[in-house]
Amino acid sequence: MALVSMNEFLPKAKANKFAVGQFNMNNLEFAQAIVEAAIELKSPFIYGVSEGALKYMGIEFTVAIAEAAAKKSGLPIALHLDHGSSFEVAMKCIRAGFSSVMFDGSHYSFEENIRLTKEVVKAARAMGVSVEGELGTIGGVEDDISVDEEHANLAKPEEAIRFYEETGVDCLAIAVGTAHGMYAGEPNIHFDIIEAVSKAIPVPVVLHGGSGVPDEMIRKSIAAGVGKINVNTENQVACTESIRAALNKDAKIYDPRKYLTPARNAMIEVVKSKIQLFGSSNQA
């Protein structure tokens, strides 16, 4: 099966009150773990790839890995640029074979964010590629970008609704109190904002910063209208902790397969738990 746009499954997610997971691909082991978990649970999913991950893996390898996963699994898989910083980066990814892109114009003025997002949507739609937009500023750390709590700001429902109406994005990430990375305490998610926006627009709301959010908050977010949830840090932590444990247990290990295999298995368990929590099992 070829890579698909998020429109192959996000409308169904919104209609049937489940969420599709975006699991970030950072290397081959991440990609393998994600697809193996999805195969077992028969779930659609999204490979999220940040600009930092693109620089690390190379765009050709990234696309080839995702295409191999789609062919092997037969699942609906989207390859999605995460937090694309410019029109040029989005177009580069589309030309390389990405089936979905995010343009993150949240650091621009509201009007400029709309203008730039519309340009990406127009170009992507001609290629059958889905587009995610973002409104408000989500805190935490994403690659080399850090936004402290003081400078994170919540999305305003009326602006989010206008943003969708003017851009026509296929899903909309809005700042509602989550953050990238792991939480020191519990996040303060504004479910009222999710619900107000979701009821007013036909496409799903996206929840960034899904790692470490308590299960009940995830369920409540989905019930309020979230149809896509991003997870990266929990897989990074599971991978790193597994590798650290293996190396601490046997300092003479030098074969990467000896410590990357258990790391991959640890990530499989994380992804399976998220798929089950999101309700996307058997939705492929």
Protein backbone atom coordinates (compact mmCIF):
# COMPACT_ATOMS: atom_id res chain seq x y z
CA MET A 1 0.00 0.00 0.00
CA ALA A 2 1.23 3.50 -0.82
CA LEU A 3 1.51 6.31 1.71
CA VAL A 4 -1.77 8.19 2.11
CA SER A 5 -2.83 11.64 3.19
CA MET A 6 -4.33 12.08 6.64
CA ASN A 7 -7.70 12.58 4.96
CA GLU A 8 -7.83 8.81 4.51
CA PHE A 9 -8.55 8.38 8.22
CA LEU A 10 -8.93 11.66 10.14
CA PRO A 11 -12.56 12.32 9.06
CA LYS A 12 -13.46 8.82 10.31
CA ALA A 13 -11.60 9.51 13.56
CA LYS A 14 -13.60 12.66 14.20
CA ALA A 15 -16.92 11.03 13.28
CA ASN A 16 -16.32 7.98 15.45
CA LYS A 17 -14.63 9.67 18.43
CA PHE A 18 -11.19 8.11 18.28
CA ALA A 19 -7.77 9.64 17.64
CA VAL A 20 -4.98 8.62 15.31
CA GLY A 21 -1.50 8.73 16.74
CA GLN A 22 1.36 10.66 15.21
CA PHE A 23 4.50 8.87 16.33
CA ASN A 24 7.70 10.62 15.42
CA MET A 25 10.29 8.77 13.38
CA ASN A 26 13.83 9.52 14.58
CA ASN A 27 15.65 6.55 13.08
CA LEU A 28 15.05 3.07 11.66
CA GLU A 29 14.31 1.49 15.04
CA PHE A 30 11.60 4.08 15.77
CA ALA A 31 10.02 3.44 12.38
CA GLN A 32 10.09 -0.33 12.86
CA ALA A 33 8.65 -0.17 16.37
CA ILE A 34 5.79 2.09 15.31
CA VAL A 35 4.72 0.00 12.33
CA GLU A 36 5.05 -3.32 14.18
CA ALA A 37 2.75 -2.07 16.95
CA ALA A 38 0.26 -0.77 14.38
CA ILE A 39 0.27 -4.05 12.44
CA GLU A 40 -0.51 -6.02 15.60
CA LEU A 41 -3.41 -3.72 16.50
CA LYS A 42 -4.59 -2.99 12.92
CA SER A 43 -4.37 0.77 13.38
CA PRO A 44 -3.75 3.63 10.98
CA PHE A 45 -1.00 5.98 12.07
CA ILE A 46 1.12 8.96 11.11
CA TYR A 47 4.90 9.03 10.91
CA GLY A 48 5.84 12.49 12.16
CA VAL A 49 9.18 13.84 10.99
CA SER A 50 10.60 17.07 12.37
CA GLU A 51 13.09 19.20 10.46
CA GLY A 52 15.75 18.08 12.93
CA ALA A 53 14.99 14.42 12.19
CA LEU A 54 15.14 15.16 8.47
CA LYS A 55 18.62 16.59 8.86
CA TYR A 56 19.65 13.55 10.89
CA MET A 57 18.21 10.82 8.63
CA GLY A 58 18.20 12.49 5.22
CA ILE A 59 14.98 13.05 3.30
CA GLU A 60 15.55 10.19 0.83
CA PHE A 61 16.10 7.61 3.59
CA THR A 62 13.10 8.97 5.52
CA VAL A 63 10.72 8.55 2.57
CA ALA A 64 12.14 5.14 1.65
CA ILE A 65 11.68 3.81 5.20
CA ALA A 66 8.09 5.06 5.37
CA GLU A 67 7.25 3.64 1.94
CA ALA A 68 8.71 0.27 2.95
CA ALA A 69 6.58 0.28 6.12
CA ALA A 70 3.44 1.07 4.14
CA LYS A 71 4.16 -1.68 1.61
CA LYS A 72 4.93 -4.26 4.28
CA SER A 73 2.00 -3.44 6.54
CA GLY A 74 -0.82 -2.72 4.10
CA LEU A 75 -1.97 -0.10 6.61
CA PRO A 76 -3.02 3.48 5.86
CA ILE A 77 0.12 5.39 6.86
CA ALA A 78 0.74 9.10 6.39
CA LEU A 79 4.26 10.53 6.25
CA HIS A 80 3.91 13.96 7.81
CA LEU A 81 6.27 16.92 8.14
CA ASP A 82 6.03 18.00 11.79
CA HIS A 83 6.30 21.74 12.54
CA GLY A 84 7.39 22.77 9.07
CA SER A 85 8.90 26.23 9.32
CA SER A 86 8.39 27.49 5.78
CA PHE A 87 6.64 27.06 2.45
CA GLU A 88 9.95 25.96 0.95
CA VAL A 89 10.48 23.15 3.48
CA ALA A 90 6.91 21.93 2.98
CA MET A 91 7.34 21.86 -0.81
CA LYS A 92 10.66 20.03 -0.53
CA CYS A 93 8.96 17.32 1.53
CA ILE A 94 6.02 17.05 -0.86
CA ARG A 95 8.33 16.72 -3.86
CA ALA A 96 10.28 14.00 -2.02
CA GLY A 97 7.15 11.92 -1.38
CA PHE A 98 5.62 13.10 1.90
CA SER A 99 1.86 12.58 1.92
CA SER A 100 1.15 15.24 4.55
CA VAL A 101 2.75 18.41 5.89
CA MET A 102 2.35 20.76 8.82
CA PHE A 103 3.02 24.42 8.41
CA ASP A 104 3.63 25.98 11.81
CA GLY A 105 3.09 29.70 11.44
CA SER A 106 2.20 30.18 15.10
CA HIS A 107 5.20 32.48 15.66
CA TYR A 108 3.89 34.91 13.03
CA SER A 109 1.05 37.38 13.50
CA PHE A 110 -2.44 35.92 13.17
CA GLU A 111 -2.97 37.47 9.73
CA GLU A 112 0.44 36.39 8.45
CA ASN A 113 -0.11 32.86 9.76
CA ILE A 114 -3.33 32.70 7.75
CA ARG A 115 -1.68 34.06 4.61
CA LEU A 116 1.26 31.68 4.69
CA THR A 117 -0.84 28.65 5.63
CA LYS A 118 -3.18 29.35 2.69
CA GLU A 119 -0.19 29.23 0.33
CA VAL A 120 0.85 25.82 1.66
CA VAL A 121 -2.72 24.48 1.48
CA LYS A 122 -3.16 25.63 -2.12
CA ALA A 123 0.05 23.96 -3.28
CA ALA A 124 -0.41 20.79 -1.22
CA ARG A 125 -4.02 20.25 -2.26
CA ALA A 126 -2.99 20.19 -5.92
CA MET A 127 -0.76 17.24 -5.04
CA GLY A 128 -3.30 15.37 -2.90
CA VAL A 129 -1.30 16.14 0.25
CA SER A 130 -3.00 16.96 3.57
CA VAL A 131 -2.06 20.01 5.64
CA GLU A 132 -2.05 20.70 9.38
CA GLY A 133 -1.99 24.26 10.69
CA GLU A 134 -1.24 25.61 14.14
CA LEU A 135 -2.65 28.42 16.23
CA GLY A 136 -1.40 29.61 19.60
CA THR A 137 2.02 28.78 21.02
CA ILE A 138 2.67 25.34 22.48
CA GLY A 139 5.26 25.28 25.26
CA GLY A 140 8.14 22.90 25.84
CA VAL A 141 11.04 21.79 23.66
CA GLU A 142 10.77 20.58 20.06
CA ASP A 143 14.17 19.89 18.44
CA ASP A 144 16.15 23.09 19.12
CA ILE A 145 13.08 25.29 19.68
CA SER A 146 12.23 26.00 23.31
CA VAL A 147 9.15 27.88 24.51
CA ASP A 148 8.87 28.47 28.24
CA GLU A 149 5.54 28.41 30.05
CA GLU A 150 5.48 32.19 30.33
CA HIS A 151 5.55 32.63 26.55
CA ALA A 152 3.16 29.81 25.63
CA ASN A 153 -0.27 31.19 24.82
CA LEU A 154 -3.64 29.54 24.43
CA ALA A 155 -5.57 29.60 21.19
CA LYS A 156 -8.74 31.73 21.11
CA PRO A 157 -11.72 29.72 19.81
CA GLU A 158 -13.02 32.55 17.62
CA GLU A 159 -9.60 32.95 16.00
CA ALA A 160 -9.24 29.18 15.51
CA ILE A 161 -12.60 29.05 13.76
CA ARG A 162 -11.71 31.96 11.49
CA PHE A 163 -8.29 30.40 10.83
CA TYR A 164 -9.93 27.20 9.59
CA GLU A 165 -12.51 29.04 7.50
CA GLU A 166 -9.85 31.08 5.72
CA THR A 167 -7.19 28.39 5.27
CA GLY A 168 -9.15 25.16 4.80
CA VAL A 169 -6.55 23.07 6.65
CA ASP A 170 -7.28 19.35 7.08
CA CYS A 171 -6.64 19.43 10.84
CA LEU A 172 -5.79 22.16 13.28
CA ALA A 173 -3.34 22.13 16.17
CA ILE A 174 -4.39 24.59 18.84
CA ALA A 175 -2.56 25.50 22.04
CA VAL A 176 -4.74 24.26 24.90
CA GLY A 177 -2.26 23.81 27.75
CA THR A 178 -0.14 20.84 26.66
CA ALA A 179 3.60 21.07 26.00
CA HIS A 180 6.29 19.29 24.06
CA GLY A 181 8.45 16.99 26.19
CA MET A 182 7.61 15.42 29.54
CA TYR A 183 5.65 17.19 32.28
CA ALA A 184 6.95 18.05 35.73
CA GLY A 185 3.35 17.90 36.98
CA GLU A 186 -0.04 17.40 35.36
CA PRO A 187 -0.85 19.59 32.35
CA ASN A 188 -3.73 22.03 32.60
CA ILE A 189 -5.68 21.20 29.45
CA HIS A 190 -8.47 23.59 28.47
CA PHE A 191 -11.09 21.13 27.27
CA ASP A 192 -13.57 23.98 26.75
CA ILE A 193 -11.36 25.39 23.99
CA ILE A 194 -11.10 22.00 22.28
CA GLU A 195 -14.86 21.52 22.42
CA ALA A 196 -15.72 25.02 21.22
CA VAL A 197 -13.41 24.74 18.21
CA SER A 198 -14.29 21.15 17.37
CA LYS A 199 -18.03 21.83 17.34
CA ALA A 200 -17.54 24.74 14.94
CA ILE A 201 -15.24 23.18 12.33
CA PRO A 202 -15.57 19.89 10.40
CA VAL A 203 -11.93 18.78 10.78
CA PRO A 204 -10.24 17.31 13.86
CA VAL A 205 -8.37 19.26 16.50
CA VAL A 206 -4.76 18.11 17.03
CA LEU A 207 -3.21 17.65 20.46
CA HIS A 208 0.53 18.26 20.51
CA GLY A 209 2.56 17.23 23.54
CA GLY A 210 0.78 13.91 24.10
CA SER A 211 3.67 12.30 26.00
CA GLY A 212 3.03 11.99 29.71
CA VAL A 213 -0.56 13.28 29.63
CA PRO A 214 -2.68 11.22 32.06
CA ASP A 215 -4.91 8.67 30.33
CA GLU A 216 -8.13 10.21 31.59
CA MET A 217 -7.15 13.60 30.13
CA ILE A 218 -6.44 11.93 26.79
CA ARG A 219 -9.87 10.27 26.81
CA LYS A 220 -11.53 13.56 27.73
CA SER A 221 -9.63 15.36 24.94
CA ILE A 222 -10.81 12.82 22.37
CA ALA A 223 -14.39 13.12 23.61
CA ALA A 224 -14.11 16.91 23.22
CA GLY A 225 -13.01 16.63 19.57
CA VAL A 226 -9.31 15.74 19.32
CA GLY A 227 -8.72 13.38 16.38
CA LYS A 228 -4.90 13.39 16.15
CA ILE A 229 -2.44 13.12 19.04
CA ASN A 230 1.33 13.56 18.78
CA VAL A 231 3.70 11.33 20.73
CA ASN A 232 7.49 11.48 20.61
CA THR A 233 9.14 11.96 23.98
CA GLU A 234 7.75 8.79 25.58
CA ASN A 235 9.31 6.72 22.80
CA GLN A 236 12.59 8.61 23.13
CA VAL A 237 12.65 7.96 26.88
CA ALA A 238 11.77 4.25 26.47
CA CYS A 239 14.48 3.84 23.84
CA THR A 240 17.17 5.62 25.83
CA GLU A 241 16.35 3.93 29.14
CA SER A 242 16.50 0.52 27.51
CA ILE A 243 19.87 1.24 25.88
CA ARG A 244 21.27 2.67 29.12
CA ALA A 245 20.15 -0.42 31.06
CA ALA A 246 21.73 -2.77 28.52
CA LEU A 247 25.06 -0.93 28.55
CA ASN A 248 25.10 -0.67 32.34
CA LYS A 249 24.43 -4.42 32.59
CA ASP A 250 27.26 -5.37 30.22
CA ALA A 251 29.94 -2.78 29.52
CA LYS A 252 31.53 -5.09 26.92
CA ILE A 253 28.61 -4.91 24.47
CA TYR A 254 29.71 -3.43 21.17
CA ASP A 255 27.16 -4.90 18.72
CA PRO A 256 24.42 -2.25 18.32
CA ARG A 257 21.86 -4.97 17.64
CA LYS A 258 22.32 -6.24 21.18
CA TYR A 259 20.99 -3.02 22.70
CA LEU A 260 18.84 -1.64 19.88
CA THR A 261 16.64 -4.75 19.72
CA PRO A 262 15.37 -4.38 23.32
CA ALA A 263 15.09 -0.62 22.76
CA ARG A 264 12.87 -1.24 19.75
CA ASN A 265 10.78 -3.71 21.75
CA ALA A 266 10.33 -1.13 24.51
CA MET A 267 9.02 1.38 21.97
CA ILE A 268 6.62 -1.20 20.52
CA GLU A 269 5.00 -1.45 23.95
CA VAL A 270 4.69 2.34 24.24
CA VAL A 271 3.05 2.64 20.83
CA LYS A 272 0.68 -0.25 21.48
CA SER A 273 -0.45 1.35 24.74
CA LYS A 274 -1.10 4.67 22.96
CA ILE A 275 -3.02 3.09 20.09
CA GLN A 276 -5.26 1.30 22.57
CA LEU A 277 -5.73 4.48 24.60
CA PHE A 278 -6.56 6.52 21.49
CA GLY A 279 -9.16 3.96 20.37
CA SER A 280 -7.66 3.46 16.90
CA SER A 281 -7.24 -0.33 17.14
CA ASN A 282 -9.01 -2.18 14.29
CA GLN A 283 -9.71 1.11 12.47
CA ALA A 284 -7.33 0.47 9.56
